[in-house]
Each structure stands twice: as C-alpha cells, then as structure tokens.
Amino acid sequence: MTGISTHVLDTSLGRPAEGVPVELALSTEGGWTVLGTWATDSDGRVEDLPAVTAGSVVRLTFDTAAYHARSSTGAPFFPEVTIVFTVAPAQRHYHVPLLLNPFGYSVYRGS
C-alpha cells in the first residue's frame, strides 16, 4: 500500500492555503470511485488520505474556487485543479504539493 499526502501553498499571499477542499478518487473500469473529501488544515496540508495499491491511477481534485471565494485573492481563472497520476510499485509514499494563485498553479511530486 502507498500513502498519499498533499500540501497547498497560496503563492499570491505567501502562506499555506487553509480550507481547500480536496477529493481523492481511484480510476476503475466504470469510471472514478471517490474515496473521500477532505480540507487542508491551517498549514495547508492533508496528510490522512487513505493508502492505495501499486498500479492504481489516482485523481486529486482541488476546489480552488471555494478557497478563493473565502480569501482576498478574488475569482480564480482555474475553478478547480485536477491531478492524475499512477502509483508505481515499490513507492511507499507520494507527497503532491500544489502551488496556487488566482491565475495559475504548479504541481510536482514532492518527497
């Protein structure tokens, strides 16, 4: 089993993005199966996502519109950010940081 965590940083404000809704889903033959929805904590993190099996195709969806509606950054150009990746064998953990601002985003595989 492979653990997954994420971290959202608001680069326009220079601080963690608290309260961003994050959905975790797995690809199945019938489409996507949602495993749950969480929100980032005061440090912009979600660390208690369920573990998944190697070979799984995973989707993280960040509701950036909900976050920006509560912040002083205004309406976002991207109302959501969706990241899809494959869990490689022998990987014990994936950390997926999202750098966010109202007009763009960047994501990478962290450690």
N, C-alpha and C. Protein backbone atom coordinates (compact mmCIF):
# COMPACT_ATOMS: atom_id res chain seq x y z
N MET A 1 0.84 -1.18 0.00
CA MET A 1 0.00 0.00 0.00
C MET A 1 0.89 1.24 0.00
N THR A 2 0.39 2.27 -0.65
CA THR A 2 1.13 3.52 -0.80
C THR A 2 0.34 4.66 -0.19
N GLY A 3 0.97 5.42 0.70
CA GLY A 3 0.33 6.58 1.31
C GLY A 3 0.39 7.79 0.40
N ILE A 4 -0.56 8.69 0.57
CA ILE A 4 -0.61 9.92 -0.22
C ILE A 4 -0.87 11.09 0.73
N SER A 5 -0.15 12.18 0.51
CA SER A 5 -0.40 13.42 1.23
C SER A 5 -0.29 14.58 0.25
N THR A 6 -0.81 15.74 0.64
CA THR A 6 -0.72 16.91 -0.22
C THR A 6 -0.53 18.16 0.63
N HIS A 7 -0.08 19.21 -0.02
CA HIS A 7 0.21 20.47 0.65
C HIS A 7 -0.11 21.57 -0.35
N VAL A 8 -0.94 22.54 0.02
CA VAL A 8 -1.31 23.63 -0.89
C VAL A 8 -0.76 24.93 -0.32
N LEU A 9 0.00 25.64 -1.15
CA LEU A 9 0.56 26.93 -0.77
C LEU A 9 0.00 28.00 -1.68
N ASP A 10 -0.48 29.08 -1.10
CA ASP A 10 -1.00 30.21 -1.87
C ASP A 10 0.16 31.15 -2.14
N THR A 11 0.68 31.12 -3.36
CA THR A 11 1.86 31.92 -3.68
C THR A 11 1.53 33.40 -3.83
N SER A 12 0.26 33.74 -4.03
CA SER A 12 -0.10 35.16 -4.12
C SER A 12 -0.10 35.82 -2.74
N LEU A 13 -0.33 35.04 -1.69
CA LEU A 13 -0.34 35.57 -0.33
C LEU A 13 0.89 35.16 0.47
N GLY A 14 1.66 34.22 -0.08
CA GLY A 14 2.87 33.78 0.61
C GLY A 14 2.61 32.99 1.87
N ARG A 15 1.57 32.16 1.84
CA ARG A 15 1.24 31.37 3.04
C ARG A 15 0.51 30.09 2.65
N PRO A 16 0.38 29.16 3.59
CA PRO A 16 -0.39 27.95 3.31
C PRO A 16 -1.85 28.29 2.99
N ALA A 17 -2.45 27.49 2.13
CA ALA A 17 -3.86 27.68 1.76
C ALA A 17 -4.73 26.79 2.65
N GLU A 18 -5.31 27.39 3.65
CA GLU A 18 -6.16 26.66 4.60
C GLU A 18 -7.56 26.51 4.04
N GLY A 19 -8.16 25.33 4.25
CA GLY A 19 -9.56 25.10 3.91
C GLY A 19 -9.84 24.76 2.46
N VAL A 20 -8.83 24.35 1.70
CA VAL A 20 -9.05 23.95 0.30
C VAL A 20 -9.67 22.55 0.30
N PRO A 21 -10.89 22.39 -0.26
CA PRO A 21 -11.46 21.06 -0.37
C PRO A 21 -10.64 20.20 -1.36
N VAL A 22 -10.34 18.98 -0.94
CA VAL A 22 -9.54 18.05 -1.75
C VAL A 22 -10.28 16.72 -1.82
N GLU A 23 -10.50 16.25 -3.05
CA GLU A 23 -11.16 14.96 -3.26
C GLU A 23 -10.14 13.96 -3.79
N LEU A 24 -10.18 12.74 -3.25
CA LEU A 24 -9.32 11.65 -3.72
C LEU A 24 -10.21 10.61 -4.39
N ALA A 25 -9.83 10.21 -5.61
CA ALA A 25 -10.59 9.20 -6.34
C ALA A 25 -9.64 8.22 -7.02
N LEU A 26 -10.12 7.01 -7.26
CA LEU A 26 -9.38 5.98 -7.96
C LEU A 26 -10.07 5.67 -9.28
N SER A 27 -9.27 5.45 -10.32
CA SER A 27 -9.81 5.04 -11.61
C SER A 27 -10.22 3.57 -11.54
N THR A 28 -11.43 3.28 -12.02
CA THR A 28 -11.92 1.91 -12.08
C THR A 28 -12.47 1.67 -13.48
N GLU A 29 -12.85 0.45 -13.76
CA GLU A 29 -13.42 0.14 -15.08
C GLU A 29 -14.68 0.96 -15.36
N GLY A 30 -15.41 1.30 -14.34
CA GLY A 30 -16.65 2.05 -14.50
C GLY A 30 -16.50 3.56 -14.40
N GLY A 31 -15.28 4.05 -14.28
CA GLY A 31 -15.07 5.49 -14.12
C GLY A 31 -14.23 5.76 -12.88
N TRP A 32 -14.58 6.80 -12.16
CA TRP A 32 -13.85 7.18 -10.95
C TRP A 32 -14.64 6.81 -9.71
N THR A 33 -13.96 6.24 -8.72
CA THR A 33 -14.55 5.94 -7.43
C THR A 33 -13.96 6.91 -6.41
N VAL A 34 -14.81 7.75 -5.85
CA VAL A 34 -14.37 8.73 -4.88
C VAL A 34 -14.16 8.05 -3.53
N LEU A 35 -12.96 8.23 -2.98
CA LEU A 35 -12.64 7.65 -1.67
C LEU A 35 -12.97 8.59 -0.53
N GLY A 36 -13.12 9.87 -0.83
CA GLY A 36 -13.47 10.83 0.21
C GLY A 36 -13.07 12.23 -0.16
N THR A 37 -13.52 13.16 0.70
CA THR A 37 -13.19 14.57 0.54
C THR A 37 -12.69 15.10 1.88
N TRP A 38 -11.62 15.88 1.82
CA TRP A 38 -11.00 16.47 3.00
C TRP A 38 -10.80 17.95 2.75
N ALA A 39 -10.31 18.67 3.73
CA ALA A 39 -9.94 20.08 3.55
C ALA A 39 -8.55 20.26 4.14
N THR A 40 -7.77 21.14 3.52
CA THR A 40 -6.43 21.40 4.03
C THR A 40 -6.51 22.04 5.41
N ASP A 41 -5.54 21.72 6.24
CA ASP A 41 -5.50 22.26 7.61
C ASP A 41 -4.86 23.65 7.61
N SER A 42 -4.59 24.18 8.79
CA SER A 42 -4.05 25.54 8.90
C SER A 42 -2.66 25.68 8.28
N ASP A 43 -1.98 24.55 8.08
CA ASP A 43 -0.68 24.57 7.41
C ASP A 43 -0.81 24.21 5.93
N GLY A 44 -2.04 24.14 5.42
CA GLY A 44 -2.28 23.83 4.01
C GLY A 44 -2.11 22.36 3.65
N ARG A 45 -2.13 21.49 4.65
CA ARG A 45 -1.84 20.07 4.42
C ARG A 45 -3.05 19.17 4.61
N VAL A 46 -3.02 18.05 3.86
CA VAL A 46 -3.91 16.92 4.11
C VAL A 46 -2.98 15.71 4.15
N GLU A 47 -2.88 15.11 5.32
CA GLU A 47 -1.94 14.01 5.49
C GLU A 47 -2.60 12.68 5.77
N ASP A 48 -3.91 12.67 5.97
CA ASP A 48 -4.58 11.42 6.35
C ASP A 48 -5.38 10.80 5.21
N LEU A 49 -4.89 10.96 3.97
CA LEU A 49 -5.57 10.33 2.84
C LEU A 49 -5.35 8.82 2.90
N PRO A 50 -6.33 8.04 2.44
CA PRO A 50 -6.17 6.59 2.52
C PRO A 50 -5.07 6.07 1.60
N ALA A 51 -4.44 5.00 1.99
CA ALA A 51 -3.41 4.35 1.18
C ALA A 51 -4.07 3.66 -0.01
N VAL A 52 -3.32 3.56 -1.10
CA VAL A 52 -3.81 2.91 -2.32
C VAL A 52 -2.82 1.84 -2.76
N THR A 53 -3.25 0.96 -3.63
CA THR A 53 -2.38 -0.12 -4.09
C THR A 53 -1.53 0.32 -5.28
N ALA A 54 -0.37 -0.32 -5.41
CA ALA A 54 0.52 -0.06 -6.53
C ALA A 54 -0.20 -0.32 -7.84
N GLY A 55 0.06 0.50 -8.83
CA GLY A 55 -0.59 0.37 -10.13
C GLY A 55 -1.88 1.15 -10.24
N SER A 56 -2.38 1.68 -9.13
CA SER A 56 -3.62 2.46 -9.16
C SER A 56 -3.39 3.78 -9.89
N VAL A 57 -4.44 4.22 -10.58
CA VAL A 57 -4.44 5.56 -11.15
C VAL A 57 -5.28 6.41 -10.20
N VAL A 58 -4.66 7.47 -9.68
CA VAL A 58 -5.24 8.28 -8.62
C VAL A 58 -5.55 9.68 -9.15
N ARG A 59 -6.65 10.25 -8.67
CA ARG A 59 -7.01 11.63 -9.04
C ARG A 59 -7.20 12.44 -7.76
N LEU A 60 -6.48 13.56 -7.68
CA LEU A 60 -6.70 14.55 -6.63
C LEU A 60 -7.36 15.76 -7.29
N THR A 61 -8.49 16.19 -6.75
CA THR A 61 -9.19 17.37 -7.28
C THR A 61 -9.27 18.41 -6.16
N PHE A 62 -8.75 19.59 -6.46
CA PHE A 62 -8.72 20.70 -5.50
C PHE A 62 -9.77 21.71 -5.92
N ASP A 63 -10.70 22.03 -5.02
CA ASP A 63 -11.75 23.02 -5.30
C ASP A 63 -11.18 24.41 -5.02
N THR A 64 -10.49 24.95 -5.98
CA THR A 64 -9.83 26.24 -5.80
C THR A 64 -10.83 27.39 -5.78
N ALA A 65 -11.97 27.24 -6.43
CA ALA A 65 -12.99 28.30 -6.41
C ALA A 65 -13.50 28.51 -4.99
N ALA A 66 -13.74 27.43 -4.26
CA ALA A 66 -14.22 27.55 -2.88
C ALA A 66 -13.18 28.25 -2.01
N TYR A 67 -11.91 27.90 -2.21
CA TYR A 67 -10.84 28.54 -1.44
C TYR A 67 -10.75 30.04 -1.77
N HIS A 68 -10.69 30.37 -3.05
CA HIS A 68 -10.53 31.78 -3.44
C HIS A 68 -11.74 32.63 -3.05
N ALA A 69 -12.91 32.02 -2.99
CA ALA A 69 -14.11 32.77 -2.57
C ALA A 69 -13.97 33.26 -1.12
N ARG A 70 -13.22 32.52 -0.30
CA ARG A 70 -13.03 32.89 1.11
C ARG A 70 -11.79 33.75 1.34
N SER A 71 -10.94 33.89 0.33
CA SER A 71 -9.70 34.64 0.53
C SER A 71 -9.81 36.01 -0.15
N SER A 72 -8.77 36.77 -0.02
CA SER A 72 -8.76 38.12 -0.61
C SER A 72 -8.16 38.13 -2.01
N THR A 73 -8.03 36.96 -2.62
CA THR A 73 -7.35 36.89 -3.92
C THR A 73 -8.29 37.08 -5.11
N GLY A 74 -9.59 37.11 -4.89
CA GLY A 74 -10.54 37.31 -5.99
C GLY A 74 -10.90 36.01 -6.68
N ALA A 75 -11.69 36.15 -7.76
CA ALA A 75 -12.17 34.98 -8.50
C ALA A 75 -11.01 34.34 -9.28
N PRO A 76 -10.86 33.01 -9.19
CA PRO A 76 -9.75 32.36 -9.87
C PRO A 76 -10.05 32.09 -11.35
N PHE A 77 -9.01 32.03 -12.14
CA PHE A 77 -9.14 31.63 -13.54
C PHE A 77 -9.42 30.13 -13.64
N PHE A 78 -8.79 29.35 -12.76
CA PHE A 78 -8.99 27.90 -12.70
C PHE A 78 -9.85 27.57 -11.48
N PRO A 79 -11.14 27.24 -11.66
CA PRO A 79 -12.00 26.97 -10.51
C PRO A 79 -11.68 25.65 -9.80
N GLU A 80 -10.97 24.77 -10.50
CA GLU A 80 -10.51 23.55 -9.85
C GLU A 80 -9.20 23.12 -10.50
N VAL A 81 -8.45 22.36 -9.74
CA VAL A 81 -7.20 21.78 -10.24
C VAL A 81 -7.32 20.28 -10.06
N THR A 82 -7.12 19.55 -11.15
CA THR A 82 -7.19 18.10 -11.11
C THR A 82 -5.83 17.52 -11.48
N ILE A 83 -5.34 16.63 -10.64
CA ILE A 83 -4.05 15.99 -10.86
C ILE A 83 -4.29 14.48 -10.89
N VAL A 84 -3.84 13.86 -11.96
CA VAL A 84 -3.99 12.41 -12.11
C VAL A 84 -2.59 11.81 -12.23
N PHE A 85 -2.33 10.76 -11.45
CA PHE A 85 -1.03 10.10 -11.52
C PHE A 85 -1.18 8.62 -11.23
N THR A 86 -0.16 7.86 -11.64
CA THR A 86 -0.14 6.41 -11.45
C THR A 86 0.80 6.09 -10.29
N VAL A 87 0.36 5.23 -9.41
CA VAL A 87 1.16 4.80 -8.27
C VAL A 87 2.09 3.68 -8.72
N ALA A 88 3.38 3.96 -8.68
CA ALA A 88 4.38 2.98 -9.11
C ALA A 88 4.59 1.92 -8.04
N PRO A 89 4.95 0.71 -8.48
CA PRO A 89 5.30 -0.33 -7.49
C PRO A 89 6.49 0.11 -6.66
N ALA A 90 6.54 -0.34 -5.45
CA ALA A 90 7.64 -0.10 -4.50
C ALA A 90 7.69 1.33 -3.97
N GLN A 91 6.72 2.16 -4.28
CA GLN A 91 6.68 3.51 -3.71
C GLN A 91 5.87 3.45 -2.43
N ARG A 92 6.47 3.86 -1.31
CA ARG A 92 5.78 3.79 -0.02
C ARG A 92 4.90 5.00 0.22
N HIS A 93 5.26 6.14 -0.42
CA HIS A 93 4.50 7.36 -0.17
C HIS A 93 4.66 8.33 -1.33
N TYR A 94 3.58 9.05 -1.62
CA TYR A 94 3.61 10.16 -2.57
C TYR A 94 3.16 11.42 -1.85
N HIS A 95 3.94 12.49 -1.99
CA HIS A 95 3.55 13.80 -1.49
C HIS A 95 3.36 14.68 -2.71
N VAL A 96 2.17 15.29 -2.85
CA VAL A 96 1.82 16.05 -4.05
C VAL A 96 1.53 17.49 -3.65
N PRO A 97 2.53 18.38 -3.69
CA PRO A 97 2.32 19.79 -3.38
C PRO A 97 1.69 20.55 -4.55
N LEU A 98 0.84 21.50 -4.22
CA LEU A 98 0.21 22.38 -5.20
C LEU A 98 0.54 23.82 -4.83
N LEU A 99 1.17 24.54 -5.75
CA LEU A 99 1.44 25.96 -5.58
C LEU A 99 0.34 26.70 -6.34
N LEU A 100 -0.39 27.55 -5.65
CA LEU A 100 -1.63 28.10 -6.18
C LEU A 100 -1.64 29.61 -6.14
N ASN A 101 -2.20 30.22 -7.18
CA ASN A 101 -2.53 31.65 -7.19
C ASN A 101 -3.77 31.80 -8.06
N PRO A 102 -4.41 32.96 -8.10
CA PRO A 102 -5.67 33.08 -8.84
C PRO A 102 -5.57 32.85 -10.35
N PHE A 103 -4.36 32.97 -10.91
CA PHE A 103 -4.24 32.88 -12.35
C PHE A 103 -3.36 31.74 -12.84
N GLY A 104 -2.93 30.89 -11.94
CA GLY A 104 -2.10 29.77 -12.33
C GLY A 104 -1.83 28.84 -11.17
N TYR A 105 -1.19 27.74 -11.50
CA TYR A 105 -0.81 26.76 -10.48
C TYR A 105 0.36 25.93 -10.99
N SER A 106 1.03 25.30 -10.06
CA SER A 106 2.11 24.39 -10.38
C SER A 106 2.01 23.22 -9.41
N VAL A 107 2.33 22.06 -9.90
CA VAL A 107 2.28 20.86 -9.06
C VAL A 107 3.52 20.04 -9.34
N TYR A 108 3.97 19.30 -8.33
CA TYR A 108 5.13 18.45 -8.52
C TYR A 108 5.05 17.28 -7.55
N ARG A 109 5.89 16.29 -7.82
CA ARG A 109 5.99 15.16 -6.90
C ARG A 109 7.02 15.51 -5.85
N GLY A 110 6.55 15.67 -4.64
CA GLY A 110 7.44 16.02 -3.54
C GLY A 110 8.01 14.79 -2.88
N SER A 111 8.62 15.00 -1.74
CA SER A 111 9.22 13.88 -1.02
C SER A 111 8.64 13.79 0.37
